[in-house]
Amino acid sequence: MEQINPHALIAIIVAGIGYGIYIGAESLEKRYASHDQISNMPKWLKHIGGALMVVPIAIFVALWAFAKF
């Protein structure tokens, strides 16, 4: 059995946390919409969650590509 690369594991965990934040922001946005309230917090949380989903994986892939070539 192969060992899991710790850097890949950290990137996957951070991306999972970002996904959770993004989904939570979607739910919060729907809750605000149902009560006719306006808030910028769900928008900012979606941006933060989206960045946490994409950036660690992109960094991991970039580091892998630089090490390969």
PDB file of N, CA and C in Angstrom:
ATOM      1  N   MET A   1       0.838  -1.174   0.000  1.00  0.00           N
ATOM      2  CA  MET A   1       0.000   0.000   0.000  1.00  0.00           C
ATOM      3  C   MET A   1       0.893   1.251   0.000  1.00  0.00           C
ATOM      4  N   GLU A   2       0.530   2.201  -0.828  1.00  0.00           N
ATOM      5  CA  GLU A   2       1.312   3.429  -0.921  1.00  0.00           C
ATOM      6  C   GLU A   2       0.988   4.370   0.222  1.00  0.00           C
ATOM      7  N   GLN A   3       1.996   5.136   0.618  1.00  0.00           N
ATOM      8  CA  GLN A   3       1.760   6.156   1.640  1.00  0.00           C
ATOM      9  C   GLN A   3       1.118   7.369   0.991  1.00  0.00           C
ATOM     10  N   ILE A   4       0.259   8.042   1.737  1.00  0.00           N
ATOM     11  CA  ILE A   4      -0.391   9.243   1.229  1.00  0.00           C
ATOM     12  C   ILE A   4       0.544  10.428   1.443  1.00  0.00           C
ATOM     13  N   ASN A   5       0.703  11.211   0.402  1.00  0.00           N
ATOM     14  CA  ASN A   5       1.521  12.408   0.477  1.00  0.00           C
ATOM     15  C   ASN A   5       0.880  13.379   1.470  1.00  0.00           C
ATOM     16  N   PRO A   6       1.620  13.801   2.508  1.00  0.00           N
ATOM     17  CA  PRO A   6       1.019  14.698   3.502  1.00  0.00           C
ATOM     18  C   PRO A   6       0.597  16.043   2.916  1.00  0.00           C
ATOM     19  N   HIS A   7       1.294  16.522   1.909  1.00  0.00           N
ATOM     20  CA  HIS A   7       0.917  17.790   1.281  1.00  0.00           C
ATOM     21  C   HIS A   7      -0.415  17.652   0.548  1.00  0.00           C
ATOM     22  N   ALA A   8      -0.608  16.522  -0.104  1.00  0.00           N
ATOM     23  CA  ALA A   8      -1.881  16.280  -0.794  1.00  0.00           C
ATOM     24  C   ALA A   8      -3.013  16.153   0.211  1.00  0.00           C
ATOM     25  N   LEU A   9      -2.751  15.484   1.318  1.00  0.00           N
ATOM     26  CA  LEU A   9      -3.769  15.323   2.342  1.00  0.00           C
ATOM     27  C   LEU A   9      -4.174  16.668   2.930  1.00  0.00           C
ATOM     28  N   ILE A  10      -3.221  17.528   3.195  1.00  0.00           N
ATOM     29  CA  ILE A  10      -3.522  18.864   3.718  1.00  0.00           C
ATOM     30  C   ILE A  10      -4.325  19.667   2.705  1.00  0.00           C
ATOM     31  N   ALA A  11      -3.949  19.586   1.425  1.00  0.00           N
ATOM     32  CA  ALA A  11      -4.682  20.314   0.387  1.00  0.00           C
ATOM     33  C   ALA A  11      -6.121  19.825   0.284  1.00  0.00           C
ATOM     34  N   ILE A  12      -6.332  18.524   0.390  1.00  0.00           N
ATOM     35  CA  ILE A  12      -7.680  17.972   0.322  1.00  0.00           C
ATOM     36  C   ILE A  12      -8.505  18.402   1.528  1.00  0.00           C
ATOM     37  N   ILE A  13      -7.912  18.408   2.701  1.00  0.00           N
ATOM     38  CA  ILE A  13      -8.629  18.829   3.911  1.00  0.00           C
ATOM     39  C   ILE A  13      -9.018  20.295   3.832  1.00  0.00           C
ATOM     40  N   VAL A  14      -8.093  21.148   3.397  1.00  0.00           N
ATOM     41  CA  VAL A  14      -8.396  22.580   3.275  1.00  0.00           C
ATOM     42  C   VAL A  14      -9.474  22.805   2.221  1.00  0.00           C
ATOM     43  N   ALA A  15      -9.411  22.081   1.119  1.00  0.00           N
ATOM     44  CA  ALA A  15     -10.445  22.208   0.085  1.00  0.00           C
ATOM     45  C   ALA A  15     -11.803  21.750   0.618  1.00  0.00           C
ATOM     46  N   GLY A  16     -11.817  20.717   1.436  1.00  0.00           N
ATOM     47  CA  GLY A  16     -13.062  20.265   2.051  1.00  0.00           C
ATOM     48  C   GLY A  16     -13.644  21.290   2.999  1.00  0.00           C
ATOM     49  N   ILE A  17     -12.803  21.945   3.766  1.00  0.00           N
ATOM     50  CA  ILE A  17     -13.258  23.017   4.653  1.00  0.00           C
ATOM     51  C   ILE A  17     -13.833  24.156   3.821  1.00  0.00           C
ATOM     52  N   GLY A  18     -13.165  24.496   2.733  1.00  0.00           N
ATOM     53  CA  GLY A  18     -13.666  25.551   1.849  1.00  0.00           C
ATOM     54  C   GLY A  18     -15.017  25.194   1.259  1.00  0.00           C
ATOM     55  N   TYR A  19     -15.198  23.917   0.908  1.00  0.00           N
ATOM     56  CA  TYR A  19     -16.478  23.468   0.367  1.00  0.00           C
ATOM     57  C   TYR A  19     -17.578  23.600   1.421  1.00  0.00           C
ATOM     58  N   GLY A  20     -17.258  23.245   2.651  1.00  0.00           N
ATOM     59  CA  GLY A  20     -18.225  23.385   3.737  1.00  0.00           C
ATOM     60  C   GLY A  20     -18.618  24.834   3.970  1.00  0.00           C
ATOM     61  N   ILE A  21     -17.650  25.732   3.922  1.00  0.00           N
ATOM     62  CA  ILE A  21     -17.943  27.163   4.085  1.00  0.00           C
ATOM     63  C   ILE A  21     -18.814  27.652   2.937  1.00  0.00           C
ATOM     64  N   TYR A  22     -18.514  27.222   1.726  1.00  0.00           N
ATOM     65  CA  TYR A  22     -19.284  27.651   0.560  1.00  0.00           C
ATOM     66  C   TYR A  22     -20.736  27.176   0.651  1.00  0.00           C
ATOM     67  N   ILE A  23     -20.941  25.916   1.011  1.00  0.00           N
ATOM     68  CA  ILE A  23     -22.291  25.365   1.120  1.00  0.00           C
ATOM     69  C   ILE A  23     -23.048  26.051   2.254  1.00  0.00           C
ATOM     70  N   GLY A  24     -22.363  26.318   3.359  1.00  0.00           N
ATOM     71  CA  GLY A  24     -22.998  27.042   4.465  1.00  0.00           C
ATOM     72  C   GLY A  24     -23.424  28.436   4.055  1.00  0.00           C
ATOM     73  N   ALA A  25     -22.618  29.097   3.249  1.00  0.00           N
ATOM     74  CA  ALA A  25     -22.960  30.439   2.769  1.00  0.00           C
ATOM     75  C   ALA A  25     -24.163  30.392   1.835  1.00  0.00           C
ATOM     76  N   GLU A  26     -24.254  29.345   1.019  1.00  0.00           N
ATOM     77  CA  GLU A  26     -25.433  29.187   0.153  1.00  0.00           C
ATOM     78  C   GLU A  26     -26.700  29.073   0.996  1.00  0.00           C
ATOM     79  N   SER A  27     -26.627  28.272   2.046  1.00  0.00           N
ATOM     80  CA  SER A  27     -27.782  28.088   2.932  1.00  0.00           C
ATOM     81  C   SER A  27     -28.132  29.389   3.644  1.00  0.00           C
ATOM     82  N   LEU A  28     -27.122  30.097   4.106  1.00  0.00           N
ATOM     83  CA  LEU A  28     -27.350  31.371   4.783  1.00  0.00           C
ATOM     84  C   LEU A  28     -27.959  32.399   3.835  1.00  0.00           C
ATOM     85  N   GLU A  29     -27.522  32.376   2.592  1.00  0.00           N
ATOM     86  CA  GLU A  29     -28.066  33.284   1.590  1.00  0.00           C
ATOM     87  C   GLU A  29     -29.554  33.003   1.346  1.00  0.00           C
ATOM     88  N   LYS A  30     -29.921  31.722   1.291  1.00  0.00           N
ATOM     89  CA  LYS A  30     -31.332  31.368   1.120  1.00  0.00           C
ATOM     90  C   LYS A  30     -32.157  31.785   2.330  1.00  0.00           C
ATOM     91  N   ARG A  31     -31.579  31.654   3.519  1.00  0.00           N
ATOM     92  CA  ARG A  31     -32.297  32.056   4.729  1.00  0.00           C
ATOM     93  C   ARG A  31     -32.543  33.563   4.745  1.00  0.00           C
ATOM     94  N   TYR A  32     -31.524  34.334   4.369  1.00  0.00           N
ATOM     95  CA  TYR A  32     -31.705  35.792   4.304  1.00  0.00           C
ATOM     96  C   TYR A  32     -32.747  36.162   3.248  1.00  0.00           C
ATOM     97  N   ALA A  33     -32.735  35.462   2.125  1.00  0.00           N
ATOM     98  CA  ALA A  33     -33.693  35.767   1.059  1.00  0.00           C
ATOM     99  C   ALA A  33     -35.126  35.459   1.491  1.00  0.00           C
ATOM    100  N   SER A  34     -35.313  34.401   2.266  1.00  0.00           N
ATOM    101  CA  SER A  34     -36.666  34.043   2.688  1.00  0.00           C
ATOM    102  C   SER A  34     -37.229  35.029   3.710  1.00  0.00           C
ATOM    103  N   HIS A  35     -36.355  35.710   4.434  1.00  0.00           N
ATOM    104  CA  HIS A  35     -36.800  36.697   5.428  1.00  0.00           C
ATOM    105  C   HIS A  35     -36.684  38.137   4.915  1.00  0.00           C
ATOM    106  N   ASP A  36     -36.415  38.290   3.633  1.00  0.00           N
ATOM    107  CA  ASP A  36     -36.266  39.606   2.999  1.00  0.00           C
ATOM    108  C   ASP A  36     -35.234  40.475   3.709  1.00  0.00           C
ATOM    109  N   GLN A  37     -34.151  39.865   4.121  1.00  0.00           N
ATOM    110  CA  GLN A  37     -33.048  40.595   4.743  1.00  0.00           C
ATOM    111  C   GLN A  37     -31.910  40.704   3.743  1.00  0.00           C
ATOM    112  N   ILE A  38     -31.110  41.737   3.894  1.00  0.00           N
ATOM    113  CA  ILE A  38     -29.971  41.950   3.001  1.00  0.00           C
ATOM    114  C   ILE A  38     -28.696  41.920   3.840  1.00  0.00           C
ATOM    115  N   SER A  39     -27.736  41.121   3.408  1.00  0.00           N
ATOM    116  CA  SER A  39     -26.453  41.041   4.094  1.00  0.00           C
ATOM    117  C   SER A  39     -25.377  40.691   3.080  1.00  0.00           C
ATOM    118  N   ASN A  40     -24.195  41.228   3.297  1.00  0.00           N
ATOM    119  CA  ASN A  40     -23.048  40.917   2.431  1.00  0.00           C
ATOM    120  C   ASN A  40     -22.263  39.717   2.944  1.00  0.00           C
ATOM    121  N   MET A  41     -22.565  39.267   4.156  1.00  0.00           N
ATOM    122  CA  MET A  41     -21.794  38.179   4.735  1.00  0.00           C
ATOM    123  C   MET A  41     -21.847  36.896   3.899  1.00  0.00           C
ATOM    124  N   PRO A  42     -23.026  36.440   3.416  1.00  0.00           N
ATOM    125  CA  PRO A  42     -23.004  35.227   2.587  1.00  0.00           C
ATOM    126  C   PRO A  42     -22.148  35.370   1.333  1.00  0.00           C
ATOM    127  N   LYS A  43     -22.151  36.559   0.744  1.00  0.00           N
ATOM    128  CA  LYS A  43     -21.335  36.780  -0.459  1.00  0.00           C
ATOM    129  C   LYS A  43     -19.849  36.629  -0.128  1.00  0.00           C
ATOM    130  N   TRP A  44     -19.423  37.230   0.989  1.00  0.00           N
ATOM    131  CA  TRP A  44     -18.017  37.147   1.374  1.00  0.00           C
ATOM    132  C   TRP A  44     -17.640  35.723   1.758  1.00  0.00           C
ATOM    133  N   LEU A  45     -18.548  35.034   2.452  1.00  0.00           N
ATOM    134  CA  LEU A  45     -18.259  33.643   2.808  1.00  0.00           C
ATOM    135  C   LEU A  45     -18.150  32.758   1.569  1.00  0.00           C
ATOM    136  N   LYS A  46     -18.974  33.014   0.559  1.00  0.00           N
ATOM    137  CA  LYS A  46     -18.872  32.244  -0.686  1.00  0.00           C
ATOM    138  C   LYS A  46     -17.540  32.501  -1.371  1.00  0.00           C
ATOM    139  N   HIS A  47     -17.068  33.742  -1.358  1.00  0.00           N
ATOM    140  CA  HIS A  47     -15.762  34.050  -1.960  1.00  0.00           C
ATOM    141  C   HIS A  47     -14.636  33.353  -1.201  1.00  0.00           C
ATOM    142  N   ILE A  48     -14.696  33.399   0.126  1.00  0.00           N
ATOM    143  CA  ILE A  48     -13.659  32.756   0.946  1.00  0.00           C
ATOM    144  C   ILE A  48     -13.686  31.244   0.741  1.00  0.00           C
ATOM    145  N   GLY A  49     -14.882  30.658   0.785  1.00  0.00           N
ATOM    146  CA  GLY A  49     -14.995  29.213   0.583  1.00  0.00           C
ATOM    147  C   GLY A  49     -14.535  28.789  -0.797  1.00  0.00           C
ATOM    148  N   GLY A  50     -14.874  29.575  -1.815  1.00  0.00           N
ATOM    149  CA  GLY A  50     -14.432  29.259  -3.173  1.00  0.00           C
ATOM    150  C   GLY A  50     -12.922  29.304  -3.305  1.00  0.00           C
ATOM    151  N   ALA A  51     -12.322  30.305  -2.678  1.00  0.00           N
ATOM    152  CA  ALA A  51     -10.857  30.405  -2.721  1.00  0.00           C
ATOM    153  C   ALA A  51     -10.208  29.235  -1.984  1.00  0.00           C
ATOM    154  N   LEU A  52     -10.789  28.846  -0.845  1.00  0.00           N
ATOM    155  CA  LEU A  52     -10.228  27.719  -0.109  1.00  0.00           C
ATOM    156  C   LEU A  52     -10.401  26.404  -0.853  1.00  0.00           C
ATOM    157  N   MET A  53     -11.379  26.324  -1.734  1.00  0.00           N
ATOM    158  CA  MET A  53     -11.537  25.103  -2.534  1.00  0.00           C
ATOM    159  C   MET A  53     -10.510  25.039  -3.654  1.00  0.00           C
ATOM    160  N   VAL A  54     -10.211  26.164  -4.272  1.00  0.00           N
ATOM    161  CA  VAL A  54      -9.410  26.168  -5.494  1.00  0.00           C
ATOM    162  C   VAL A  54      -7.914  26.339  -5.230  1.00  0.00           C
ATOM    163  N   VAL A  55      -7.554  27.259  -4.373  1.00  0.00           N
ATOM    164  CA  VAL A  55      -6.140  27.637  -4.215  1.00  0.00           C
ATOM    165  C   VAL A  55      -5.258  26.484  -3.733  1.00  0.00           C
ATOM    166  N   PRO A  56      -5.611  25.730  -2.686  1.00  0.00           N
ATOM    167  CA  PRO A  56      -4.692  24.663  -2.255  1.00  0.00           C
ATOM    168  C   PRO A  56      -4.469  23.588  -3.314  1.00  0.00           C
ATOM    169  N   ILE A  57      -5.514  23.239  -4.047  1.00  0.00           N
ATOM    170  CA  ILE A  57      -5.363  22.230  -5.093  1.00  0.00           C
ATOM    171  C   ILE A  57      -4.499  22.778  -6.226  1.00  0.00           C
ATOM    172  N   ALA A  58      -4.697  24.050  -6.587  1.00  0.00           N
ATOM    173  CA  ALA A  58      -3.891  24.660  -7.644  1.00  0.00           C
ATOM    174  C   ALA A  58      -2.414  24.725  -7.238  1.00  0.00           C
ATOM    175  N   ILE A  59      -2.156  25.059  -5.988  1.00  0.00           N
ATOM    176  CA  ILE A  59      -0.768  25.113  -5.509  1.00  0.00           C
ATOM    177  C   ILE A  59      -0.151  23.716  -5.535  1.00  0.00           C
ATOM    178  N   PHE A  60      -0.900  22.715  -5.096  1.00  0.00           N
ATOM    179  CA  PHE A  60      -0.382  21.346  -5.097  1.00  0.00           C
ATOM    180  C   PHE A  60      -0.066  20.875  -6.512  1.00  0.00           C
ATOM    181  N   VAL A  61      -0.960  21.131  -7.445  1.00  0.00           N
ATOM    182  CA  VAL A  61      -0.737  20.722  -8.835  1.00  0.00           C
ATOM    183  C   VAL A  61       0.452  21.480  -9.435  1.00  0.00           C
ATOM    184  N   ALA A  62       0.567  22.783  -9.127  1.00  0.00           N
ATOM    185  CA  ALA A  62       1.689  23.568  -9.645  1.00  0.00           C
ATOM    186  C   ALA A  62       3.014  23.042  -9.094  1.00  0.00           C
ATOM    187  N   LEU A  63       3.063  22.731  -7.810  1.00  0.00           N
ATOM    188  CA  LEU A  63       4.291  22.188  -7.229  1.00  0.00           C
ATOM    189  C   LEU A  63       4.633  20.827  -7.825  1.00  0.00           C
ATOM    190  N   TRP A  64       3.614  20.006  -8.058  1.00  0.00           N
ATOM    191  CA  TRP A  64       3.841  18.714  -8.683  1.00  0.00           C
ATOM    192  C   TRP A  64       4.396  18.892 -10.096  1.00  0.00           C
ATOM    193  N   ALA A  65       3.833  19.845 -10.850  1.00  0.00           N
ATOM    194  CA  ALA A  65       4.289  20.082 -12.225  1.00  0.00           C
ATOM    195  C   ALA A  65       5.724  20.594 -12.244  1.00  0.00           C
ATOM    196  N   PHE A  66       6.065  21.510 -11.316  1.00  0.00           N
ATOM    197  CA  PHE A  66       7.437  22.007 -11.273  1.00  0.00           C
ATOM    198  C   PHE A  66       8.420  20.914 -10.898  1.00  0.00           C
ATOM    199  N   ALA A  67       8.030  20.010 -10.023  1.00  0.00           N
ATOM    200  CA  ALA A  67       8.921  18.911  -9.627  1.00  0.00           C
ATOM    201  C   ALA A  67       9.089  17.897 -10.750  1.00  0.00           C
ATOM    202  N   LYS A  68       8.047  17.729 -11.584  1.00  0.00           N
ATOM    203  CA  LYS A  68       8.097  16.773 -12.684  1.00  0.00           C
ATOM    204  C   LYS A  68       9.022  17.241 -13.800  1.00  0.00           C
ATOM    205  N   PHE A  69       9.004  18.547 -14.068  1.00  0.00           N
ATOM    206  CA  PHE A  69       9.754  19.063 -15.213  1.00  0.00           C
ATOM    207  C   PHE A  69      10.871  19.874 -14.738  1.00  0.00           C
TER     208      PHE A  69
END
